[in-house]
């Protein structure tokens, strides 16, 4: 079998993202055996071993994350069930590379635009990370603007602008400002 890639804390995500687009453009199926990882190429298969109970599951990387500090992988609800971590929410895990994928997957079919909520933009990465930690579920993206790195704080991924706008209105009531932005395909 493959080598241990890393060990650390796994979390899982489910209902709030079900049916929305993952980072590689697929529709998220919370009952599937997939996961989000910050850097592994899309399509990579990884064995996730729960170090508390020895249970394991093989997942396919199709999303980016987790964005919570100290977490190394975010499992789909279906995968989390297999390693018995639904109740605990997190687990100490070991990741084993099953089969590497050399090129990062490219989607060649027709792409539909999708949207996110931009909460903030900073030239300082640590300020962006600080803001992201204040807004649950948000992520920091590095973007080039006029040949300079800018760090933007994004929240959510939506298939239609109306859904994003509705969530933005909810955020504004909680004192979080921002605007809906179409993501580059």
C-alpha atoms as a PDB file:
ATOM      1  CA  UNK A   1       0.000   0.000   0.000  1.00  0.00           C
ATOM      2  CA  UNK A   2       0.997   3.649  -0.223  1.00  0.00           C
ATOM      3  CA  UNK A   3       3.014   5.792   2.143  1.00  0.00           C
ATOM      4  CA  UNK A   4       1.591   7.863   4.961  1.00  0.00           C
ATOM      5  CA  UNK A   5       1.029  11.360   3.584  1.00  0.00           C
ATOM      6  CA  UNK A   6       0.182  13.105   6.827  1.00  0.00           C
ATOM      7  CA  UNK A   7      -1.522  12.672  10.167  1.00  0.00           C
ATOM      8  CA  UNK A   8      -3.791  15.139  11.870  1.00  0.00           C
ATOM      9  CA  UNK A   9      -7.409  16.048  12.492  1.00  0.00           C
ATOM     10  CA  UNK A  10     -10.213  15.279  10.053  1.00  0.00           C
ATOM     11  CA  UNK A  11     -13.619  16.936  10.080  1.00  0.00           C
ATOM     12  CA  UNK A  12     -16.685  16.328   7.914  1.00  0.00           C
ATOM     13  CA  UNK A  13     -19.184  18.463   6.044  1.00  0.00           C
ATOM     14  CA  UNK A  14     -22.640  17.670   4.822  1.00  0.00           C
ATOM     15  CA  UNK A  15     -26.144  19.085   4.499  1.00  0.00           C
ATOM     16  CA  UNK A  16     -25.240  22.768   4.055  1.00  0.00           C
ATOM     17  CA  UNK A  17     -23.147  21.991   0.967  1.00  0.00           C
ATOM     18  CA  UNK A  18     -25.197  19.113  -0.535  1.00  0.00           C
ATOM     19  CA  UNK A  19     -25.866  19.776  -4.234  1.00  0.00           C
ATOM     20  CA  UNK A  20     -23.560  22.809  -4.399  1.00  0.00           C
ATOM     21  CA  UNK A  21     -20.460  22.805  -6.592  1.00  0.00           C
ATOM     22  CA  UNK A  22     -17.170  21.473  -5.260  1.00  0.00           C
ATOM     23  CA  UNK A  23     -13.886  23.166  -6.168  1.00  0.00           C
ATOM     24  CA  UNK A  24     -13.419  20.858  -9.173  1.00  0.00           C
ATOM     25  CA  UNK A  25     -16.898  21.700 -10.525  1.00  0.00           C
ATOM     26  CA  UNK A  26     -18.757  18.528  -9.473  1.00  0.00           C
ATOM     27  CA  UNK A  27     -22.000  18.645  -7.535  1.00  0.00           C
ATOM     28  CA  UNK A  28     -21.276  17.760  -3.918  1.00  0.00           C
ATOM     29  CA  UNK A  29     -22.919  14.526  -2.778  1.00  0.00           C
ATOM     30  CA  UNK A  30     -22.695  14.371   1.007  1.00  0.00           C
ATOM     31  CA  UNK A  31     -23.408  10.622   0.867  1.00  0.00           C
ATOM     32  CA  UNK A  32     -20.523   9.916  -1.521  1.00  0.00           C
ATOM     33  CA  UNK A  33     -16.977   8.930  -0.560  1.00  0.00           C
ATOM     34  CA  UNK A  34     -15.178  12.179  -1.319  1.00  0.00           C
ATOM     35  CA  UNK A  35     -13.117  14.731   0.584  1.00  0.00           C
ATOM     36  CA  UNK A  36     -11.692  18.222   0.550  1.00  0.00           C
ATOM     37  CA  UNK A  37      -7.930  18.711   0.875  1.00  0.00           C
ATOM     38  CA  UNK A  38      -5.949  21.951   0.542  1.00  0.00           C
ATOM     39  CA  UNK A  39      -3.288  20.761  -1.917  1.00  0.00           C
ATOM     40  CA  UNK A  40      -3.755  17.204  -3.245  1.00  0.00           C
ATOM     41  CA  UNK A  41      -4.683  17.098  -6.948  1.00  0.00           C
ATOM     42  CA  UNK A  42      -8.343  16.458  -7.745  1.00  0.00           C
ATOM     43  CA  UNK A  43      -9.014  12.783  -8.346  1.00  0.00           C
ATOM     44  CA  UNK A  44      -6.323  11.592  -5.921  1.00  0.00           C
ATOM     45  CA  UNK A  45      -7.481   8.592  -3.877  1.00  0.00           C
ATOM     46  CA  UNK A  46      -6.545   8.601  -0.224  1.00  0.00           C
ATOM     47  CA  UNK A  47      -7.157   6.028   2.507  1.00  0.00           C
ATOM     48  CA  UNK A  48      -8.303   7.790   5.681  1.00  0.00           C
ATOM     49  CA  UNK A  49      -7.666   5.761   8.838  1.00  0.00           C
ATOM     50  CA  UNK A  50      -9.398   6.819  12.063  1.00  0.00           C
ATOM     51  CA  UNK A  51      -6.612   6.386  14.626  1.00  0.00           C
ATOM     52  CA  UNK A  52      -9.088   6.098  17.518  1.00  0.00           C
ATOM     53  CA  UNK A  53     -10.928   3.035  16.215  1.00  0.00           C
ATOM     54  CA  UNK A  54      -8.854   1.698  13.286  1.00  0.00           C
ATOM     55  CA  UNK A  55     -11.739   2.083  10.803  1.00  0.00           C
ATOM     56  CA  UNK A  56     -10.792   3.299   7.329  1.00  0.00           C
ATOM     57  CA  UNK A  57     -12.325   4.546   4.080  1.00  0.00           C
ATOM     58  CA  UNK A  58     -10.931   5.357   0.648  1.00  0.00           C
ATOM     59  CA  UNK A  59     -11.980   8.797  -0.602  1.00  0.00           C
ATOM     60  CA  UNK A  60     -11.467  10.745  -3.817  1.00  0.00           C
ATOM     61  CA  UNK A  61     -10.337  14.369  -3.499  1.00  0.00           C
ATOM     62  CA  UNK A  62     -12.833  16.640  -5.308  1.00  0.00           C
ATOM     63  CA  UNK A  63     -12.890  19.798  -3.196  1.00  0.00           C
ATOM     64  CA  UNK A  64     -10.618  22.282  -1.437  1.00  0.00           C
ATOM     65  CA  UNK A  65     -10.441  22.774   2.317  1.00  0.00           C
ATOM     66  CA  UNK A  66     -10.745  22.377   5.196  1.00  0.00           C
ATOM     67  CA  UNK A  67     -10.300  25.997   6.132  1.00  0.00           C
ATOM     68  CA  UNK A  68     -10.584  25.474   9.879  1.00  0.00           C
ATOM     69  CA  UNK A  69      -7.234  25.800  11.648  1.00  0.00           C
ATOM     70  CA  UNK A  70      -5.515  22.518  12.497  1.00  0.00           C
ATOM     71  CA  UNK A  71      -7.571  20.304  10.175  1.00  0.00           C
ATOM     72  CA  UNK A  72      -5.958  18.324   7.350  1.00  0.00           C
ATOM     73  CA  UNK A  73      -8.964  16.836   5.513  1.00  0.00           C
ATOM     74  CA  UNK A  74     -12.720  17.426   5.337  1.00  0.00           C
ATOM     75  CA  UNK A  75     -14.675  14.224   4.636  1.00  0.00           C
ATOM     76  CA  UNK A  76     -18.089  13.893   3.042  1.00  0.00           C
ATOM     77  CA  UNK A  77     -20.791  12.723   5.456  1.00  0.00           C
ATOM     78  CA  UNK A  78     -20.778   9.303   3.749  1.00  0.00           C
ATOM     79  CA  UNK A  79     -17.031   8.892   4.324  1.00  0.00           C
ATOM     80  CA  UNK A  80     -17.293  10.168   7.923  1.00  0.00           C
ATOM     81  CA  UNK A  81     -19.940   7.488   8.600  1.00  0.00           C
ATOM     82  CA  UNK A  82     -17.560   4.738   7.391  1.00  0.00           C
ATOM     83  CA  UNK A  83     -14.891   5.756   9.917  1.00  0.00           C
ATOM     84  CA  UNK A  84     -17.469   6.378  12.662  1.00  0.00           C
ATOM     85  CA  UNK A  85     -16.861  10.096  13.276  1.00  0.00           C
ATOM     86  CA  UNK A  86     -20.324  11.585  12.664  1.00  0.00           C
ATOM     87  CA  UNK A  87     -21.036  11.990  16.386  1.00  0.00           C
ATOM     88  CA  UNK A  88     -17.599  13.289  17.369  1.00  0.00           C
ATOM     89  CA  UNK A  89     -17.385  15.692  14.391  1.00  0.00           C
ATOM     90  CA  UNK A  90     -13.611  15.316  14.199  1.00  0.00           C
ATOM     91  CA  UNK A  91     -11.110  12.472  14.501  1.00  0.00           C
ATOM     92  CA  UNK A  92      -7.357  11.945  14.571  1.00  0.00           C
ATOM     93  CA  UNK A  93      -6.546  10.353  11.232  1.00  0.00           C
ATOM     94  CA  UNK A  94      -3.698   9.069   9.117  1.00  0.00           C
ATOM     95  CA  UNK A  95      -3.843   9.680   5.357  1.00  0.00           C
ATOM     96  CA  UNK A  96      -2.334   7.088   3.035  1.00  0.00           C
ATOM     97  CA  UNK A  97      -1.880   7.837  -0.669  1.00  0.00           C
ATOM     98  CA  UNK A  98      -3.603   5.115  -2.700  1.00  0.00           C
ATOM     99  CA  UNK A  99      -3.036   6.264  -6.241  1.00  0.00           C
ATOM    100  CA  UNK A 100      -1.489   9.570  -7.216  1.00  0.00           C
ATOM    101  CA  UNK A 101      -2.958  11.706  -9.975  1.00  0.00           C
ATOM    102  CA  UNK A 102      -0.266  13.553 -11.846  1.00  0.00           C
ATOM    103  CA  UNK A 103      -2.252  16.338 -13.488  1.00  0.00           C
ATOM    104  CA  UNK A 104      -4.819  18.388 -11.658  1.00  0.00           C
ATOM    105  CA  UNK A 105      -8.173  17.483 -13.147  1.00  0.00           C
ATOM    106  CA  UNK A 106      -9.500  19.759 -15.842  1.00  0.00           C
ATOM    107  CA  UNK A 107     -13.157  20.059 -16.680  1.00  0.00           C
ATOM    108  CA  UNK A 108     -13.668  20.110 -20.411  1.00  0.00           C
ATOM    109  CA  UNK A 109     -17.447  20.199 -20.668  1.00  0.00           C
ATOM    110  CA  UNK A 110     -19.519  23.377 -20.612  1.00  0.00           C
ATOM    111  CA  UNK A 111     -18.975  25.273 -17.407  1.00  0.00           C
ATOM    112  CA  UNK A 112     -21.788  27.043 -15.648  1.00  0.00           C
ATOM    113  CA  UNK A 113     -20.842  30.173 -13.746  1.00  0.00           C
ATOM    114  CA  UNK A 114     -20.927  29.930  -9.994  1.00  0.00           C
ATOM    115  CA  UNK A 115     -20.852  32.552  -7.296  1.00  0.00           C
ATOM    116  CA  UNK A 116     -19.407  33.280  -3.894  1.00  0.00           C
ATOM    117  CA  UNK A 117     -19.692  36.030  -1.323  1.00  0.00           C
ATOM    118  CA  UNK A 118     -16.571  38.169  -1.012  1.00  0.00           C
ATOM    119  CA  UNK A 119     -16.394  39.279   2.595  1.00  0.00           C
ATOM    120  CA  UNK A 120     -13.086  41.153   2.503  1.00  0.00           C
ATOM    121  CA  UNK A 121      -9.852  41.745   0.607  1.00  0.00           C
ATOM    122  CA  UNK A 122      -6.415  42.377   2.132  1.00  0.00           C
ATOM    123  CA  UNK A 123      -2.835  42.836   0.976  1.00  0.00           C
ATOM    124  CA  UNK A 124      -1.721  41.170   4.213  1.00  0.00           C
ATOM    125  CA  UNK A 125      -2.356  37.407   4.346  1.00  0.00           C
ATOM    126  CA  UNK A 126      -2.493  37.311   8.161  1.00  0.00           C
ATOM    127  CA  UNK A 127      -5.261  39.960   8.210  1.00  0.00           C
ATOM    128  CA  UNK A 128      -7.232  37.895   5.685  1.00  0.00           C
ATOM    129  CA  UNK A 129      -6.766  34.758   7.804  1.00  0.00           C
ATOM    130  CA  UNK A 130      -7.856  36.678  10.906  1.00  0.00           C
ATOM    131  CA  UNK A 131     -11.038  37.881   9.135  1.00  0.00           C
ATOM    132  CA  UNK A 132     -11.679  34.360   7.814  1.00  0.00           C
ATOM    133  CA  UNK A 133     -11.480  32.957  11.355  1.00  0.00           C
ATOM    134  CA  UNK A 134     -14.216  35.433  12.386  1.00  0.00           C
ATOM    135  CA  UNK A 135     -16.581  34.323   9.579  1.00  0.00           C
ATOM    136  CA  UNK A 136     -17.463  30.643  10.056  1.00  0.00           C
ATOM    137  CA  UNK A 137     -17.016  28.565   6.918  1.00  0.00           C
ATOM    138  CA  UNK A 138     -15.113  31.210   4.944  1.00  0.00           C
ATOM    139  CA  UNK A 139     -11.855  30.638   3.090  1.00  0.00           C
ATOM    140  CA  UNK A 140      -8.867  32.752   2.025  1.00  0.00           C
ATOM    141  CA  UNK A 141      -7.946  32.843  -1.674  1.00  0.00           C
ATOM    142  CA  UNK A 142      -4.749  34.344  -3.077  1.00  0.00           C
ATOM    143  CA  UNK A 143      -5.467  36.457  -6.160  1.00  0.00           C
ATOM    144  CA  UNK A 144      -3.142  38.475  -8.419  1.00  0.00           C
ATOM    145  CA  UNK A 145      -4.296  42.078  -8.902  1.00  0.00           C
ATOM    146  CA  UNK A 146      -2.009  44.364 -10.899  1.00  0.00           C
ATOM    147  CA  UNK A 147       0.838  41.840 -10.431  1.00  0.00           C
ATOM    148  CA  UNK A 148       0.452  41.990  -6.631  1.00  0.00           C
ATOM    149  CA  UNK A 149      -0.867  39.279  -4.327  1.00  0.00           C
ATOM    150  CA  UNK A 150      -4.190  40.097  -2.715  1.00  0.00           C
ATOM    151  CA  UNK A 151      -5.871  37.838  -0.156  1.00  0.00           C
ATOM    152  CA  UNK A 152      -9.620  37.650  -0.415  1.00  0.00           C
ATOM    153  CA  UNK A 153     -12.008  36.144   2.076  1.00  0.00           C
ATOM    154  CA  UNK A 154     -14.777  34.193   0.329  1.00  0.00           C
ATOM    155  CA  UNK A 155     -17.794  32.450   1.809  1.00  0.00           C
ATOM    156  CA  UNK A 156     -19.757  29.689   0.118  1.00  0.00           C
ATOM    157  CA  UNK A 157     -20.116  28.482  -3.420  1.00  0.00           C
ATOM    158  CA  UNK A 158     -23.443  28.907  -5.182  1.00  0.00           C
ATOM    159  CA  UNK A 159     -24.901  27.780  -8.502  1.00  0.00           C
ATOM    160  CA  UNK A 160     -27.127  30.822  -8.758  1.00  0.00           C
ATOM    161  CA  UNK A 161     -26.770  34.455  -7.829  1.00  0.00           C
ATOM    162  CA  UNK A 162     -30.134  34.599  -6.037  1.00  0.00           C
ATOM    163  CA  UNK A 163     -29.076  31.992  -3.459  1.00  0.00           C
ATOM    164  CA  UNK A 164     -25.830  33.877  -2.796  1.00  0.00           C
ATOM    165  CA  UNK A 165     -27.709  37.187  -2.495  1.00  0.00           C
ATOM    166  CA  UNK A 166     -30.119  35.632   0.032  1.00  0.00           C
ATOM    167  CA  UNK A 167     -27.207  34.420   2.197  1.00  0.00           C
ATOM    168  CA  UNK A 168     -25.518  37.827   1.884  1.00  0.00           C
ATOM    169  CA  UNK A 169     -28.662  39.546   3.220  1.00  0.00           C
ATOM    170  CA  UNK A 170     -28.595  37.139   6.192  1.00  0.00           C
ATOM    171  CA  UNK A 171     -24.893  37.945   6.793  1.00  0.00           C
ATOM    172  CA  UNK A 172     -25.537  41.691   6.648  1.00  0.00           C
ATOM    173  CA  UNK A 173     -28.121  41.302   9.437  1.00  0.00           C
ATOM    174  CA  UNK A 174     -25.331  39.727  11.504  1.00  0.00           C
ATOM    175  CA  UNK A 175     -23.024  42.686  10.796  1.00  0.00           C
ATOM    176  CA  UNK A 176     -20.879  41.046   8.084  1.00  0.00           C
ATOM    177  CA  UNK A 177     -20.561  43.131   4.924  1.00  0.00           C
ATOM    178  CA  UNK A 178     -19.637  41.865   1.479  1.00  0.00           C
ATOM    179  CA  UNK A 179     -20.878  41.397  -2.063  1.00  0.00           C
ATOM    180  CA  UNK A 180     -21.753  38.571  -4.447  1.00  0.00           C
ATOM    181  CA  UNK A 181     -19.041  37.774  -6.946  1.00  0.00           C
ATOM    182  CA  UNK A 182     -18.998  35.452  -9.948  1.00  0.00           C
ATOM    183  CA  UNK A 183     -16.099  33.014  -9.726  1.00  0.00           C
ATOM    184  CA  UNK A 184     -13.733  32.594 -12.651  1.00  0.00           C
ATOM    185  CA  UNK A 185     -14.241  29.290 -14.411  1.00  0.00           C
END
